[in-house]
Amino acid sequence: GTPRSTEFRALLARHQAAYGTELRSID
């Protein structure tokens, strides 16, 4: 729900591609 969540998600996607970072829900 944050204004910059789309930008932040794109940054996380770059981390995912470069380092294999997993994106997970806190659940």
PDB file of all heavy atoms in Angstrom:
ATOM      1  N   GLY A   1       0.774  -1.228   0.000  1.00  0.00           N
ATOM      2  CA  GLY A   1       0.000   0.000   0.000  1.00  0.00           C
ATOM      3  C   GLY A   1       0.809   1.282   0.000  1.00  0.00           C
ATOM      4  O   GLY A   1       0.251   2.367   0.098  1.00  0.00           O
ATOM      5  N   THR A   2       2.124   1.187  -0.134  1.00  0.00           N
ATOM      6  CA  THR A   2       2.946   2.393  -0.087  1.00  0.00           C
ATOM      7  C   THR A   2       3.143   2.979  -1.480  1.00  0.00           C
ATOM      8  O   THR A   2       3.135   2.242  -2.468  1.00  0.00           O
ATOM      9  CB  THR A   2       4.328   2.104   0.537  1.00  0.00           C
ATOM     10  OG1 THR A   2       5.001   1.154  -0.276  1.00  0.00           O
ATOM     11  CG2 THR A   2       4.193   1.603   1.948  1.00  0.00           C
ATOM     12  N   PRO A   3       3.358   4.283  -1.562  1.00  0.00           N
ATOM     13  CA  PRO A   3       3.530   4.930  -2.863  1.00  0.00           C
ATOM     14  C   PRO A   3       4.729   4.404  -3.651  1.00  0.00           C
ATOM     15  O   PRO A   3       4.695   4.351  -4.866  1.00  0.00           O
ATOM     16  CB  PRO A   3       3.728   6.409  -2.512  1.00  0.00           C
ATOM     17  CG  PRO A   3       3.156   6.568  -1.156  1.00  0.00           C
ATOM     18  CD  PRO A   3       3.314   5.256  -0.471  1.00  0.00           C
ATOM     19  N   ARG A   4       5.786   3.988  -2.959  1.00  0.00           N
ATOM     20  CA  ARG A   4       7.001   3.552  -3.659  1.00  0.00           C
ATOM     21  C   ARG A   4       7.132   2.033  -3.723  1.00  0.00           C
ATOM     22  O   ARG A   4       8.189   1.517  -4.049  1.00  0.00           O
ATOM     23  CB  ARG A   4       8.214   4.173  -2.979  1.00  0.00           C
ATOM     24  CG  ARG A   4       8.164   5.697  -3.072  1.00  0.00           C
ATOM     25  CD  ARG A   4       9.374   6.366  -2.565  1.00  0.00           C
ATOM     26  NE  ARG A   4      10.514   6.060  -3.417  1.00  0.00           N
ATOM     27  CZ  ARG A   4      11.737   6.427  -3.104  1.00  0.00           C
ATOM     28  NH1 ARG A   4      11.977   7.087  -2.006  1.00  0.00           N
ATOM     29  NH2 ARG A   4      12.746   6.125  -3.898  1.00  0.00           N
ATOM     30  N   SER A   5       6.074   1.305  -3.439  1.00  0.00           N
ATOM     31  CA  SER A   5       6.172  -0.155  -3.427  1.00  0.00           C
ATOM     32  C   SER A   5       6.525  -0.719  -4.804  1.00  0.00           C
ATOM     33  O   SER A   5       7.268  -1.692  -4.900  1.00  0.00           O
ATOM     34  CB  SER A   5       4.891  -0.786  -2.889  1.00  0.00           C
ATOM     35  OG  SER A   5       3.799  -0.526  -3.729  1.00  0.00           O
ATOM     36  N   THR A   6       6.045  -0.117  -5.867  1.00  0.00           N
ATOM     37  CA  THR A   6       6.346  -0.602  -7.215  1.00  0.00           C
ATOM     38  C   THR A   6       7.837  -0.454  -7.510  1.00  0.00           C
ATOM     39  O   THR A   6       8.483  -1.373  -8.011  1.00  0.00           O
ATOM     40  CB  THR A   6       5.516   0.155  -8.272  1.00  0.00           C
ATOM     41  OG1 THR A   6       4.134  -0.014  -7.957  1.00  0.00           O
ATOM     42  CG2 THR A   6       5.792  -0.362  -9.671  1.00  0.00           C
ATOM     43  N   GLU A   7       8.390   0.704  -7.176  1.00  0.00           N
ATOM     44  CA  GLU A   7       9.819   0.955  -7.371  1.00  0.00           C
ATOM     45  C   GLU A   7      10.657  -0.002  -6.518  1.00  0.00           C
ATOM     46  O   GLU A   7      11.654  -0.553  -6.974  1.00  0.00           O
ATOM     47  CB  GLU A   7      10.130   2.404  -7.001  1.00  0.00           C
ATOM     48  CG  GLU A   7      11.583   2.785  -7.108  1.00  0.00           C
ATOM     49  CD  GLU A   7      11.855   4.200  -6.630  1.00  0.00           C
ATOM     50  OE1 GLU A   7      10.896   4.968  -6.394  1.00  0.00           O
ATOM     51  OE2 GLU A   7      13.037   4.522  -6.470  1.00  0.00           O
ATOM     52  N   PHE A   8      10.226  -0.207  -5.286  1.00  0.00           N
ATOM     53  CA  PHE A   8      10.965  -1.088  -4.382  1.00  0.00           C
ATOM     54  C   PHE A   8      10.893  -2.532  -4.870  1.00  0.00           C
ATOM     55  O   PHE A   8      11.877  -3.268  -4.826  1.00  0.00           O
ATOM     56  CB  PHE A   8      10.418  -0.976  -2.964  1.00  0.00           C
ATOM     57  CG  PHE A   8      11.396  -1.418  -1.927  1.00  0.00           C
ATOM     58  CD1 PHE A   8      12.249  -0.506  -1.345  1.00  0.00           C
ATOM     59  CD2 PHE A   8      11.470  -2.739  -1.531  1.00  0.00           C
ATOM     60  CE1 PHE A   8      13.161  -0.902  -0.380  1.00  0.00           C
ATOM     61  CE2 PHE A   8      12.370  -3.153  -0.576  1.00  0.00           C
ATOM     62  CZ  PHE A   8      13.228  -2.226   0.003  1.00  0.00           C
ATOM     63  N   ARG A   9       9.735  -2.938  -5.353  1.00  0.00           N
ATOM     64  CA  ARG A   9       9.591  -4.304  -5.867  1.00  0.00           C
ATOM     65  C   ARG A   9      10.505  -4.506  -7.085  1.00  0.00           C
ATOM     66  O   ARG A   9      11.085  -5.581  -7.268  1.00  0.00           O
ATOM     67  CB  ARG A   9       8.144  -4.606  -6.219  1.00  0.00           C
ATOM     68  CG  ARG A   9       7.905  -6.090  -6.475  1.00  0.00           C
ATOM     69  CD  ARG A   9       6.448  -6.403  -6.715  1.00  0.00           C
ATOM     70  NE  ARG A   9       5.658  -6.366  -5.506  1.00  0.00           N
ATOM     71  CZ  ARG A   9       5.534  -7.391  -4.672  1.00  0.00           C
ATOM     72  NH1 ARG A   9       6.195  -8.500  -4.905  1.00  0.00           N
ATOM     73  NH2 ARG A   9       4.772  -7.307  -3.618  1.00  0.00           N
ATOM     74  N   ALA A  10      10.665  -3.494  -7.929  1.00  0.00           N
ATOM     75  CA  ALA A  10      11.564  -3.583  -9.087  1.00  0.00           C
ATOM     76  C   ALA A  10      13.014  -3.750  -8.612  1.00  0.00           C
ATOM     77  O   ALA A  10      13.769  -4.537  -9.191  1.00  0.00           O
ATOM     78  CB  ALA A  10      11.424  -2.342  -9.960  1.00  0.00           C
ATOM     79  N   LEU A  11      13.390  -3.035  -7.564  1.00  0.00           N
ATOM     80  CA  LEU A  11      14.730  -3.180  -6.997  1.00  0.00           C
ATOM     81  C   LEU A  11      14.933  -4.591  -6.445  1.00  0.00           C
ATOM     82  O   LEU A  11      15.973  -5.215  -6.656  1.00  0.00           O
ATOM     83  CB  LEU A  11      14.953  -2.138  -5.895  1.00  0.00           C
ATOM     84  CG  LEU A  11      16.295  -2.195  -5.175  1.00  0.00           C
ATOM     85  CD1 LEU A  11      17.443  -1.987  -6.147  1.00  0.00           C
ATOM     86  CD2 LEU A  11      16.331  -1.154  -4.079  1.00  0.00           C
ATOM     87  N   LEU A  12      13.924  -5.109  -5.765  1.00  0.00           N
ATOM     88  CA  LEU A  12      14.015  -6.473  -5.247  1.00  0.00           C
ATOM     89  C   LEU A  12      14.113  -7.489  -6.389  1.00  0.00           C
ATOM     90  O   LEU A  12      14.832  -8.488  -6.275  1.00  0.00           O
ATOM     91  CB  LEU A  12      12.816  -6.787  -4.360  1.00  0.00           C
ATOM     92  CG  LEU A  12      12.802  -6.100  -2.997  1.00  0.00           C
ATOM     93  CD1 LEU A  12      11.466  -6.334  -2.296  1.00  0.00           C
ATOM     94  CD2 LEU A  12      13.952  -6.578  -2.124  1.00  0.00           C
ATOM     95  N   ALA A  13      13.433  -7.230  -7.498  1.00  0.00           N
ATOM     96  CA  ALA A  13      13.509  -8.125  -8.655  1.00  0.00           C
ATOM     97  C   ALA A  13      14.930  -8.133  -9.228  1.00  0.00           C
ATOM     98  O   ALA A  13      15.430  -9.188  -9.642  1.00  0.00           O
ATOM     99  CB  ALA A  13      12.501  -7.706  -9.723  1.00  0.00           C
ATOM    100  N   ARG A  14      15.608  -6.982  -9.214  1.00  0.00           N
ATOM    101  CA  ARG A  14      17.006  -6.942  -9.665  1.00  0.00           C
ATOM    102  C   ARG A  14      17.896  -7.747  -8.716  1.00  0.00           C
ATOM    103  O   ARG A  14      18.793  -8.459  -9.156  1.00  0.00           O
ATOM    104  CB  ARG A  14      17.488  -5.495  -9.785  1.00  0.00           C
ATOM    105  CG  ARG A  14      16.870  -4.771 -10.981  1.00  0.00           C
ATOM    106  CD  ARG A  14      17.580  -3.478 -11.314  1.00  0.00           C
ATOM    107  NE  ARG A  14      17.502  -2.467 -10.272  1.00  0.00           N
ATOM    108  CZ  ARG A  14      16.501  -1.618 -10.096  1.00  0.00           C
ATOM    109  NH1 ARG A  14      15.450  -1.666 -10.907  1.00  0.00           N
ATOM    110  NH2 ARG A  14      16.536  -0.717  -9.135  1.00  0.00           N
ATOM    111  N   HIS A  15      17.633  -7.650  -7.423  1.00  0.00           N
ATOM    112  CA  HIS A  15      18.369  -8.461  -6.447  1.00  0.00           C
ATOM    113  C   HIS A  15      18.099  -9.939  -6.672  1.00  0.00           C
ATOM    114  O   HIS A  15      19.003 -10.771  -6.547  1.00  0.00           O
ATOM    115  CB  HIS A  15      17.981  -8.073  -5.013  1.00  0.00           C
ATOM    116  CG  HIS A  15      18.853  -7.034  -4.423  1.00  0.00           C
ATOM    117  ND1 HIS A  15      19.936  -7.334  -3.661  1.00  0.00           N
ATOM    118  CD2 HIS A  15      18.815  -5.692  -4.502  1.00  0.00           C
ATOM    119  CE1 HIS A  15      20.528  -6.225  -3.278  1.00  0.00           C
ATOM    120  NE2 HIS A  15      19.865  -5.216  -3.782  1.00  0.00           N
ATOM    121  N   GLN A  16      16.880 -10.250  -6.995  1.00  0.00           N
ATOM    122  CA  GLN A  16      16.499 -11.632  -7.245  1.00  0.00           C
ATOM    123  C   GLN A  16      17.298 -12.182  -8.435  1.00  0.00           C
ATOM    124  O   GLN A  16      17.827 -13.292  -8.378  1.00  0.00           O
ATOM    125  CB  GLN A  16      15.003 -11.702  -7.519  1.00  0.00           C
ATOM    126  CG  GLN A  16      14.428 -13.088  -7.532  1.00  0.00           C
ATOM    127  CD  GLN A  16      12.902 -13.044  -7.645  1.00  0.00           C
ATOM    128  OE1 GLN A  16      12.334 -12.104  -8.195  1.00  0.00           O
ATOM    129  NE2 GLN A  16      12.257 -14.055  -7.129  1.00  0.00           N
ATOM    130  N   ALA A  17      17.401 -11.400  -9.498  1.00  0.00           N
ATOM    131  CA  ALA A  17      18.129 -11.834 -10.686  1.00  0.00           C
ATOM    132  C   ALA A  17      19.636 -11.910 -10.441  1.00  0.00           C
ATOM    133  O   ALA A  17      20.299 -12.847 -10.886  1.00  0.00           O
ATOM    134  CB  ALA A  17      17.833 -10.882 -11.851  1.00  0.00           C
ATOM    135  N   ALA A  18      20.173 -10.946  -9.714  1.00  0.00           N
ATOM    136  CA  ALA A  18      21.625 -10.882  -9.505  1.00  0.00           C
ATOM    137  C   ALA A  18      22.128 -11.844  -8.433  1.00  0.00           C
ATOM    138  O   ALA A  18      23.190 -12.443  -8.579  1.00  0.00           O
ATOM    139  CB  ALA A  18      22.030  -9.448  -9.144  1.00  0.00           C
ATOM    140  N   TYR A  19      21.385 -11.985  -7.344  1.00  0.00           N
ATOM    141  CA  TYR A  19      21.882 -12.731  -6.188  1.00  0.00           C
ATOM    142  C   TYR A  19      21.011 -13.926  -5.794  1.00  0.00           C
ATOM    143  O   TYR A  19      21.324 -14.626  -4.839  1.00  0.00           O
ATOM    144  CB  TYR A  19      21.997 -11.816  -4.968  1.00  0.00           C
ATOM    145  CG  TYR A  19      22.787 -10.567  -5.212  1.00  0.00           C
ATOM    146  CD1 TYR A  19      22.187  -9.314  -5.118  1.00  0.00           C
ATOM    147  CD2 TYR A  19      24.134 -10.618  -5.543  1.00  0.00           C
ATOM    148  CE1 TYR A  19      22.907  -8.157  -5.332  1.00  0.00           C
ATOM    149  CE2 TYR A  19      24.858  -9.462  -5.775  1.00  0.00           C
ATOM    150  CZ  TYR A  19      24.238  -8.236  -5.668  1.00  0.00           C
ATOM    151  OH  TYR A  19      24.959  -7.095  -5.883  1.00  0.00           O
ATOM    152  N   GLY A  20      19.905 -14.124  -6.477  1.00  0.00           N
ATOM    153  CA  GLY A  20      19.012 -15.221  -6.112  1.00  0.00           C
ATOM    154  C   GLY A  20      18.159 -14.930  -4.896  1.00  0.00           C
ATOM    155  O   GLY A  20      17.649 -15.837  -4.246  1.00  0.00           O
ATOM    156  N   THR A  21      17.978 -13.664  -4.569  1.00  0.00           N
ATOM    157  CA  THR A  21      17.147 -13.274  -3.432  1.00  0.00           C
ATOM    158  C   THR A  21      15.735 -13.818  -3.599  1.00  0.00           C
ATOM    159  O   THR A  21      15.147 -13.699  -4.664  1.00  0.00           O
ATOM    160  CB  THR A  21      17.092 -11.736  -3.306  1.00  0.00           C
ATOM    161  OG1 THR A  21      18.422 -11.243  -3.128  1.00  0.00           O
ATOM    162  CG2 THR A  21      16.218 -11.294  -2.155  1.00  0.00           C
ATOM    163  N   GLU A  22      15.212 -14.417  -2.542  1.00  0.00           N
ATOM    164  CA  GLU A  22      13.836 -14.915  -2.568  1.00  0.00           C
ATOM    165  C   GLU A  22      12.906 -13.833  -2.036  1.00  0.00           C
ATOM    166  O   GLU A  22      13.188 -13.232  -1.006  1.00  0.00           O
ATOM    167  CB  GLU A  22      13.693 -16.142  -1.676  1.00  0.00           C
ATOM    168  CG  GLU A  22      14.450 -17.354  -2.144  1.00  0.00           C
ATOM    169  CD  GLU A  22      14.279 -18.504  -1.176  1.00  0.00           C
ATOM    170  OE1 GLU A  22      13.128 -18.794  -0.777  1.00  0.00           O
ATOM    171  OE2 GLU A  22      15.297 -19.109  -0.811  1.00  0.00           O
ATOM    172  N   LEU A  23      11.815 -13.589  -2.719  1.00  0.00           N
ATOM    173  CA  LEU A  23      10.797 -12.655  -2.251  1.00  0.00           C
ATOM    174  C   LEU A  23       9.691 -13.472  -1.606  1.00  0.00           C
ATOM    175  O   LEU A  23       9.096 -14.336  -2.250  1.00  0.00           O
ATOM    176  CB  LEU A  23      10.239 -11.820  -3.407  1.00  0.00           C
ATOM    177  CG  LEU A  23      11.258 -11.044  -4.230  1.00  0.00           C
ATOM    178  CD1 LEU A  23      10.554 -10.221  -5.296  1.00  0.00           C
ATOM    179  CD2 LEU A  23      12.107 -10.166  -3.346  1.00  0.00           C
ATOM    180  N   ARG A  24       9.425 -13.196  -0.331  1.00  0.00           N
ATOM    181  CA  ARG A  24       8.482 -13.992   0.437  1.00  0.00           C
ATOM    182  C   ARG A  24       7.540 -13.094   1.214  1.00  0.00           C
ATOM    183  O   ARG A  24       7.871 -11.968   1.541  1.00  0.00           O
ATOM    184  CB  ARG A  24       9.233 -14.878   1.435  1.00  0.00           C
ATOM    185  CG  ARG A  24      10.398 -15.672   0.875  1.00  0.00           C
ATOM    186  CD  ARG A  24       9.984 -16.864   0.105  1.00  0.00           C
ATOM    187  NE  ARG A  24       9.492 -17.845   1.053  1.00  0.00           N
ATOM    188  CZ  ARG A  24       8.727 -18.855   0.731  1.00  0.00           C
ATOM    189  NH1 ARG A  24       8.355 -19.029  -0.498  1.00  0.00           N
ATOM    190  NH2 ARG A  24       8.307 -19.711   1.636  1.00  0.00           N
ATOM    191  N   SER A  25       6.388 -13.623   1.530  1.00  0.00           N
ATOM    192  CA  SER A  25       5.465 -12.934   2.428  1.00  0.00           C
ATOM    193  C   SER A  25       5.940 -13.171   3.861  1.00  0.00           C
ATOM    194  O   SER A  25       6.496 -14.229   4.164  1.00  0.00           O
ATOM    195  CB  SER A  25       4.056 -13.496   2.255  1.00  0.00           C
ATOM    196  OG  SER A  25       3.232 -13.079   3.321  1.00  0.00           O
ATOM    197  N   ILE A  26       5.701 -12.236   4.728  1.00  0.00           N
ATOM    198  CA  ILE A  26       6.060 -12.417   6.138  1.00  0.00           C
ATOM    199  C   ILE A  26       5.327 -13.624   6.722  1.00  0.00           C
ATOM    200  O   ILE A  26       5.811 -14.259   7.657  1.00  0.00           O
ATOM    201  CB  ILE A  26       5.801 -11.135   6.964  1.00  0.00           C
ATOM    202  CG1 ILE A  26       6.407 -11.249   8.367  1.00  0.00           C
ATOM    203  CG2 ILE A  26       4.332 -10.798   7.019  1.00  0.00           C
ATOM    204  CD1 ILE A  26       7.898 -11.442   8.410  1.00  0.00           C
ATOM    205  N   ASP A  27       4.202 -13.981   6.145  1.00  0.00           N
ATOM    206  CA  ASP A  27       3.450 -15.154   6.610  1.00  0.00           C
ATOM    207  C   ASP A  27       4.246 -16.450   6.424  1.00  0.00           C
ATOM    208  O   ASP A  27       3.958 -17.451   7.080  1.00  0.00           O
ATOM    209  CB  ASP A  27       2.120 -15.265   5.868  1.00  0.00           C
ATOM    210  CG  ASP A  27       1.193 -14.101   6.176  1.00  0.00           C
ATOM    211  OD1 ASP A  27       1.302 -13.508   7.273  1.00  0.00           O
ATOM    212  OD2 ASP A  27       0.363 -13.766   5.312  1.00  0.00           O
TER     213      ASP A  27
END
